Protein backbone atom coordinates (compact mmCIF):
# COMPACT_ATOMS: atom_id res chain seq x y z
CA MET A 1 -21.26 21.22 11.95
CA SER A 2 -18.37 22.84 13.75
CA ASP A 3 -14.84 23.07 12.46
CA VAL A 4 -13.49 20.67 15.04
CA GLY A 5 -12.82 17.91 12.50
CA ILE A 6 -10.57 15.11 13.65
CA SER A 7 -8.40 16.88 16.16
CA VAL A 8 -9.66 18.19 19.45
CA PRO A 9 -8.08 20.77 21.73
CA GLY A 10 -5.36 19.34 23.88
CA SER A 11 -6.44 21.35 26.89
CA ASN A 12 -9.34 18.95 27.55
CA SER A 13 -7.08 15.90 27.45
CA THR A 14 -5.86 14.27 30.64
CA GLN A 15 -3.48 11.91 28.89
CA PRO A 16 0.05 11.69 30.36
CA GLU A 17 3.07 12.70 28.32
CA LEU A 18 4.46 9.61 26.60
CA THR A 19 8.18 9.02 26.18
CA TRP A 20 10.27 6.47 24.30
CA LEU A 21 10.39 4.47 27.53
CA ASN A 22 6.64 3.93 27.22
CA VAL A 23 7.16 2.79 23.62
CA ALA A 24 9.84 0.35 24.81
CA ILE A 25 7.42 -1.06 27.36
CA GLY A 26 4.83 -1.49 24.62
CA LEU A 27 7.46 -3.31 22.56
CA ALA A 28 7.33 -6.09 25.16
CA PHE A 29 4.09 -7.28 23.55
CA ILE A 30 5.94 -7.84 20.27
CA VAL A 31 8.69 -9.69 22.14
CA VAL A 32 6.03 -12.02 23.52
CA ASP A 33 4.74 -12.63 19.98
CA ILE A 34 8.28 -13.39 18.79
CA GLY A 35 8.65 -15.86 21.65
CA ILE A 36 5.41 -17.59 20.68
CA SER A 37 6.58 -17.76 17.07
CA THR A 38 9.85 -19.32 18.19
CA VAL A 39 8.17 -21.91 20.45
CA PHE A 40 5.73 -23.03 17.75
CA ARG A 41 8.32 -22.68 14.96
CA LEU A 42 6.11 -20.37 12.92
CA GLY A 43 9.05 -18.58 11.34
CA LEU A 44 7.51 -15.15 11.96
CA GLY A 45 10.06 -13.83 14.44
CA VAL A 46 12.13 -11.90 11.88
CA SER A 47 9.02 -10.53 10.17
CA LEU A 48 7.60 -9.36 13.48
CA ALA A 49 10.84 -7.67 14.48
CA ILE A 50 11.23 -5.92 11.12
CA ALA A 51 7.58 -4.83 11.12
CA ALA A 52 7.92 -3.43 14.66
CA LEU A 53 11.07 -1.50 13.75
CA ARG A 54 9.43 -0.17 10.58
CA CYS A 55 6.35 0.86 12.53
CA THR A 56 8.42 2.74 15.11
CA GLY A 57 10.69 4.46 12.61
CA GLN A 58 7.93 5.37 10.18
CA LEU A 59 5.66 6.85 12.83
CA ALA A 60 8.53 8.81 14.36
CA LEU A 61 9.45 10.21 10.95
CA VAL A 62 5.84 11.04 10.11
CA ALA A 63 5.36 12.76 13.46
CA THR A 64 8.42 14.94 12.85
CA ILE A 65 7.29 15.90 9.34
CA LEU A 66 3.65 16.48 10.25
CA HIS A 67 4.62 18.68 13.18
CA GLN A 68 6.21 21.13 10.75
CA VAL A 69 3.34 20.83 8.27
CA PHE A 70 0.71 21.48 10.94
CA GLU A 71 2.51 24.62 12.05
CA ASN A 72 3.08 26.06 8.55
CA LYS A 73 -0.48 25.44 7.22
CA ASN A 74 0.59 25.63 3.58
CA PRO A 75 -1.96 24.15 1.11
CA TRP A 76 0.78 23.19 -1.37
CA THR A 77 2.60 21.27 1.35
CA VAL A 78 -0.64 19.48 2.21
CA ALA A 79 -1.10 18.59 -1.48
CA LEU A 80 2.46 17.26 -1.64
CA ILE A 81 1.99 15.15 1.50
CA SER A 82 -1.27 13.77 0.07
CA PHE A 83 0.46 12.79 -3.17
CA VAL A 84 3.36 11.20 -1.28
CA LEU A 85 0.93 9.14 0.82
CA ASN A 86 -0.77 7.86 -2.33
CA PHE A 87 2.56 7.21 -4.04
CA LEU A 88 3.89 5.22 -1.09
CA GLY A 89 0.59 3.37 -0.88
CA THR A 90 0.92 2.45 -4.54
CA PHE A 91 4.49 1.29 -4.00
CA GLU A 92 3.43 -0.85 -1.05
CA THR A 93 0.57 -2.33 -3.06
CA VAL A 94 2.59 -3.19 -6.16
CA VAL A 95 5.92 -4.14 -4.61
CA ASN A 96 5.13 -5.73 -1.25
CA LYS A 97 1.50 -6.76 -1.11
CA SER A 98 0.49 -8.16 -4.49
CA PRO A 99 1.51 -11.79 -5.17
CA ARG A 100 0.85 -11.21 -8.89
CA ARG A 101 1.32 -8.14 -11.04
CA PHE A 102 0.10 -7.04 -14.44
CA GLN A 103 1.62 -4.84 -17.09
CA HIS A 104 1.63 -1.10 -16.24
CA MET A 105 0.36 -1.93 -12.75
CA PHE A 106 2.15 0.91 -10.94
CA PRO A 107 0.67 3.84 -12.93
CA VAL A 108 -2.77 2.19 -13.01
CA VAL A 109 -2.83 1.71 -9.24
CA LEU A 110 -1.50 5.24 -8.66
CA ILE A 111 -4.23 6.74 -10.83
CA GLY A 112 -6.84 4.63 -9.03
CA MET A 113 -5.55 5.70 -5.64
CA LEU A 114 -5.42 9.40 -6.50
CA GLY A 115 -8.77 9.28 -8.28
CA SER A 116 -10.51 7.82 -5.25
CA THR A 117 -8.82 9.14 -2.11
CA ILE A 118 -8.40 12.77 -3.16
CA PRO A 119 -11.98 13.52 -4.37
CA ILE A 120 -13.56 11.60 -1.49
CA SER A 121 -11.34 13.31 1.08
CA ILE A 122 -12.08 16.78 -0.34
CA LEU A 123 -15.84 16.26 -0.49
CA GLY A 124 -15.98 14.58 2.89
CA SER A 125 -13.84 17.17 4.64
CA ARG A 126 -15.60 20.17 3.17
CA PHE A 127 -19.25 19.12 3.16
CA ALA A 128 -19.69 16.12 5.50
CA MET A 129 -17.34 17.35 8.24
CA GLY A 130 -17.70 21.07 7.60
CA ILE A 131 -13.96 21.77 7.78
CA LYS A 132 -13.04 25.24 6.48
CA PRO A 133 -10.75 25.29 4.64
CA PHE A 134 -10.98 21.62 3.71
CA TRP A 135 -7.18 21.29 3.43
CA THR A 136 -6.53 22.17 7.08
CA PRO A 137 -3.47 19.96 7.69
CA MET A 138 -4.41 18.62 11.10
CA GLN A 139 -7.67 17.24 9.73
CA TYR A 140 -7.08 16.59 6.04
CA ILE A 141 -3.80 14.65 6.14
CA PRO A 142 -5.02 12.02 8.64
CA ILE A 143 -8.16 11.56 6.54
CA VAL A 144 -6.13 10.91 3.40
CA GLY A 145 -3.92 8.49 5.33
CA MET A 146 -6.90 6.48 6.54
CA LEU A 147 -8.43 6.37 3.07
CA CYS A 148 -5.13 5.19 1.57
CA GLY A 149 -4.76 2.40 4.12
CA ALA A 150 -8.23 0.98 3.51
CA THR A 151 -7.99 1.42 -0.26
CA ILE A 152 -4.71 -0.52 -0.40
CA SER A 153 -6.32 -3.55 1.25
CA ALA A 154 -9.27 -3.54 -1.13
CA ILE A 155 -7.07 -3.16 -4.21
CA VAL A 156 -4.79 -6.02 -3.19
CA VAL A 157 -7.70 -8.40 -2.65
CA ALA A 158 -9.40 -7.51 -5.93
CA VAL A 159 -6.26 -7.58 -8.07
CA SER A 160 -4.91 -10.78 -6.52
CA TYR A 161 -8.13 -12.67 -7.18
CA ILE A 162 -8.73 -11.51 -10.73
CA LEU A 163 -5.11 -12.11 -11.79
CA LYS A 164 -5.18 -15.57 -10.22
CA GLU A 165 -8.31 -16.47 -12.14
CA LEU A 166 -7.04 -15.05 -15.44
CA GLN A 167 -3.77 -16.94 -15.08
CA GLU A 168 -4.88 -20.28 -13.65
CA ASN A 169 -8.42 -20.58 -15.03
CA LYS A 170 -8.13 -18.68 -18.28
CA ASP A 171 -9.75 -21.58 -20.16
CA LYS A 172 -13.14 -20.57 -18.76
CA VAL A 173 -12.70 -17.02 -20.02
CA GLU A 174 -11.49 -18.22 -23.42
CA ILE A 175 -14.60 -20.38 -23.82
CA TYR A 176 -16.80 -17.32 -23.38
CA LEU A 177 -14.61 -15.40 -25.83
CA ALA A 178 -14.78 -18.21 -28.37
CA PHE A 179 -18.58 -18.03 -28.36
CA GLY A 180 -18.51 -14.32 -29.17
CA ALA A 181 -18.57 -12.68 -25.78
CA THR A 182 -16.70 -9.43 -25.31
CA ARG A 183 -13.86 -9.27 -22.82
CA THR A 184 -16.09 -7.46 -20.34
CA GLU A 185 -18.85 -10.06 -20.65
CA ALA A 186 -16.38 -12.96 -20.42
CA CYS A 187 -14.69 -11.57 -17.31
CA ARG A 188 -17.83 -10.30 -15.59
CA PRO A 189 -18.18 -13.25 -13.15
CA ILE A 190 -14.54 -12.89 -12.15
CA MET A 191 -14.85 -9.12 -11.76
CA MET A 192 -17.98 -9.42 -9.64
CA GLN A 193 -16.40 -11.98 -7.34
CA ALA A 194 -13.22 -9.90 -7.03
CA LEU A 195 -15.21 -6.82 -6.01
CA LYS A 196 -17.28 -8.84 -3.54
CA LEU A 197 -14.12 -10.16 -1.88
CA ALA A 198 -12.59 -6.69 -1.78
CA LEU A 199 -15.61 -4.95 -0.26
CA THR A 200 -16.83 -7.67 2.11
CA PRO A 201 -14.36 -6.76 4.91
CA LEU A 202 -15.54 -3.13 4.79
CA ILE A 203 -19.19 -4.18 4.90
CA ASN A 204 -18.50 -6.47 7.85
CA SER A 205 -16.59 -3.70 9.59
CA MET A 206 -19.51 -1.29 9.26
CA SER A 207 -21.88 -4.00 10.49
CA VAL A 208 -20.09 -4.64 13.78
CA ILE A 209 -18.68 -1.18 14.45
CA GLY A 210 -19.85 0.34 17.71
CA ILE A 211 -21.51 -2.85 18.97
CA ILE A 212 -18.69 -5.38 19.00
CA ALA A 213 -15.69 -3.18 18.23
CA ILE A 214 -14.95 0.46 19.03
CA PRO A 215 -12.83 1.74 16.13
CA GLY A 216 -9.51 3.50 16.52
CA MET A 217 -10.74 6.81 15.11
CA MET A 218 -13.48 7.06 17.71
CA THR A 219 -11.15 5.92 20.47
CA GLY A 220 -8.59 8.55 19.50
CA ALA A 221 -11.21 11.29 19.52
CA LEU A 222 -12.46 10.21 22.94
CA LEU A 223 -8.93 10.09 24.35
CA GLY A 224 -8.34 13.54 22.87
CA GLY A 225 -11.26 14.99 24.84
CA ALA A 226 -14.13 15.00 22.30
CA SER A 227 -17.67 14.23 23.37
CA VAL A 228 -19.03 10.74 22.76
CA GLN A 229 -21.67 11.99 20.32
CA GLN A 230 -19.13 14.01 18.35
CA ALA A 231 -16.74 11.06 18.18
CA ALA A 232 -19.51 8.72 17.00
CA LYS A 233 -20.59 11.09 14.20
CA LEU A 234 -16.99 11.58 13.15
CA GLN A 235 -16.36 7.83 12.97
CA THR A 236 -19.54 7.29 10.97
CA ILE A 237 -18.47 9.82 8.34
CA ILE A 238 -14.98 8.34 8.17
CA MET A 239 -16.34 4.82 7.61
CA PHE A 240 -18.59 6.03 4.79
CA MET A 241 -15.65 7.82 3.16
CA ILE A 242 -13.40 4.76 3.49
CA THR A 243 -16.00 2.51 1.88
CA ALA A 244 -16.57 4.94 -1.00
CA SER A 245 -12.86 5.36 -1.67
CA ALA A 246 -12.14 1.63 -1.60
CA THR A 247 -15.09 0.94 -3.91
CA LEU A 248 -14.08 3.51 -6.52
CA ALA A 249 -10.47 2.35 -6.60
CA SER A 250 -11.39 -1.36 -6.74
CA VAL A 251 -13.85 -0.88 -9.61
CA PHE A 252 -11.41 1.22 -11.65
CA ILE A 253 -8.45 -1.11 -11.20
CA THR A 254 -10.53 -4.24 -11.81
CA LEU A 255 -11.70 -2.82 -15.15
CA ALA A 256 -8.13 -1.78 -15.96
CA VAL A 257 -6.86 -5.33 -15.32
CA VAL A 258 -9.39 -6.76 -17.76
CA VAL A 259 -8.58 -4.18 -20.42
CA ILE A 260 -4.84 -4.79 -20.13
CA VAL A 261 -4.75 -8.58 -19.74
CA VAL A 262 -7.48 -9.30 -22.33
CA ASP A 263 -6.54 -7.43 -25.51
CA GLU A 264 -8.74 -5.89 -28.20
CA GLN A 265 -8.68 -9.14 -30.20
CA HIS A 266 -10.30 -10.85 -27.18
CA ARG A 267 -7.25 -12.92 -26.31
CA VAL A 268 -6.09 -13.60 -22.76
CA ARG A 269 -2.50 -12.37 -22.69
CA SER A 270 -0.97 -14.41 -19.89
CA GLU A 271 2.47 -12.95 -20.59
CA ARG A 272 1.18 -9.62 -19.26
CA ILE A 273 0.84 -11.19 -15.82
CA SER A 274 4.00 -11.73 -13.82
CA GLY A 275 4.44 -14.82 -11.72
CA LYS A 276 4.41 -15.13 -8.00
CA GLY A 277 7.19 -13.11 -6.51
CA GLY A 278 6.07 -11.36 -3.37
CA SER A 279 8.29 -8.45 -2.56
CA TRP A 280 11.01 -7.22 -4.88
CA LEU A 281 13.23 -6.99 -1.82
CA ASN A 282 12.69 -10.04 0.35
CA ILE A 283 15.26 -10.31 3.12
CA LYS A 284 14.55 -14.01 3.59
CA GLN A 285 15.55 -14.68 0.00
CA LEU A 286 18.96 -13.05 0.38
CA ASN A 287 21.85 -15.55 0.49
CA THR A 288 24.79 -13.95 2.27
CA LYS A 289 27.27 -16.63 1.23
CA LYS A 290 26.43 -16.29 -2.46
CA MET A 291 26.61 -12.50 -2.19
CA VAL A 292 30.10 -12.67 -0.68
CA GLU A 293 31.27 -15.14 -3.32
CA TRP A 294 29.85 -12.97 -6.11
CA THR A 295 31.60 -9.89 -4.68
CA LYS A 296 34.94 -11.71 -4.45
CA GLU A 297 34.54 -12.95 -7.98
CA LYS A 298 33.96 -9.44 -9.27
CA LEU A 299 36.87 -7.96 -7.29
CA ARG A 300 39.36 -10.72 -8.15
CA PRO A 301 41.96 -9.47 -10.67
CA ARG A 302 41.73 -11.33 -13.92
CA PRO A 303 44.83 -12.22 -16.01
CA LYS A 304 45.22 -10.36 -19.24
CA PRO A 305 44.49 -12.45 -22.35
CA PRO A 306 47.58 -13.52 -24.31
CA VAL A 307 48.49 -11.24 -27.18
CA LYS A 308 48.33 -12.86 -30.57
CA GLU A 309 51.50 -13.05 -32.67
CA GLU A 310 50.15 -10.75 -35.39
CA GLU A 311 49.06 -8.18 -32.83
CA SER A 312 52.46 -8.30 -31.11
CA GLU A 313 54.30 -7.71 -34.44
CA GLU A 314 51.98 -4.80 -35.27
CA LEU A 315 52.50 -3.34 -31.82
CA LEU A 316 56.32 -3.65 -32.24
CA LEU A 317 56.21 -1.92 -35.65
CA ASN A 318 54.09 0.91 -34.25
CA THR A 319 56.52 1.34 -31.40
CA LEU A 320 59.61 1.46 -33.71
CA SER A 321 57.95 3.89 -36.08
């Protein structure tokens, strides 16, 4: 296979040069969605606006950073970018996406992300795609980004389900444990269902890809000037890599949840599962009035406590001496 990888030469592309005016025109679609949300009172207008602003700012920042990385072609910079992508993916999973969390969730998810996306991306880039060297920034970084995005979704589904079952239906697990089952045997039905839910969207996506839906990776390659056959092969490899990465991460983190929540004495430790909280920073939960009152209270000068008679006599004696 050639070393074309994901990117294709720009000379074959007939795409016009896009400006921020084109982005502003595209933003009109989000404005329409906000209008629909307002008419039907869905309460999604603020979320849509914030998501659109985040999308624009994040992609602009990434484009600026990647432009420098692509030009320098430094393997250590590529490694750093790959780690940052996994770290931010872990942060998004733990902080914003998961309705429930378990003890030591952040390091466990980070290890699962790194242990799945990095090996799969290296093997896929080097051997399946034939990229030499495999860390070529223009090919490797987008691959890691796609693997991270799909892996996040699978992890959230698996973790959310298994934590929900262990917290709300722990009696079923405790019955198995009471009859002598190990924690793995007692939690096996929950683990299997969690993995099925996590991997079903990927299986469905592979089933309909190319017939009902043309995926974004293939569309991007075609718009970039690649041949149809080359774009189809590229998309096939990417889908296989995404499925493998999501599977590895889901299996590892599902086992980790069971090991952490169900201890060595085969007890379900519900206190190791945090309650529903959504995001740690939820703008909708902020109360401006209470924040202002709290700030005024902290800044308001407080009167000094009255000095006791004994303390005043001692202070007078110290002053005279």
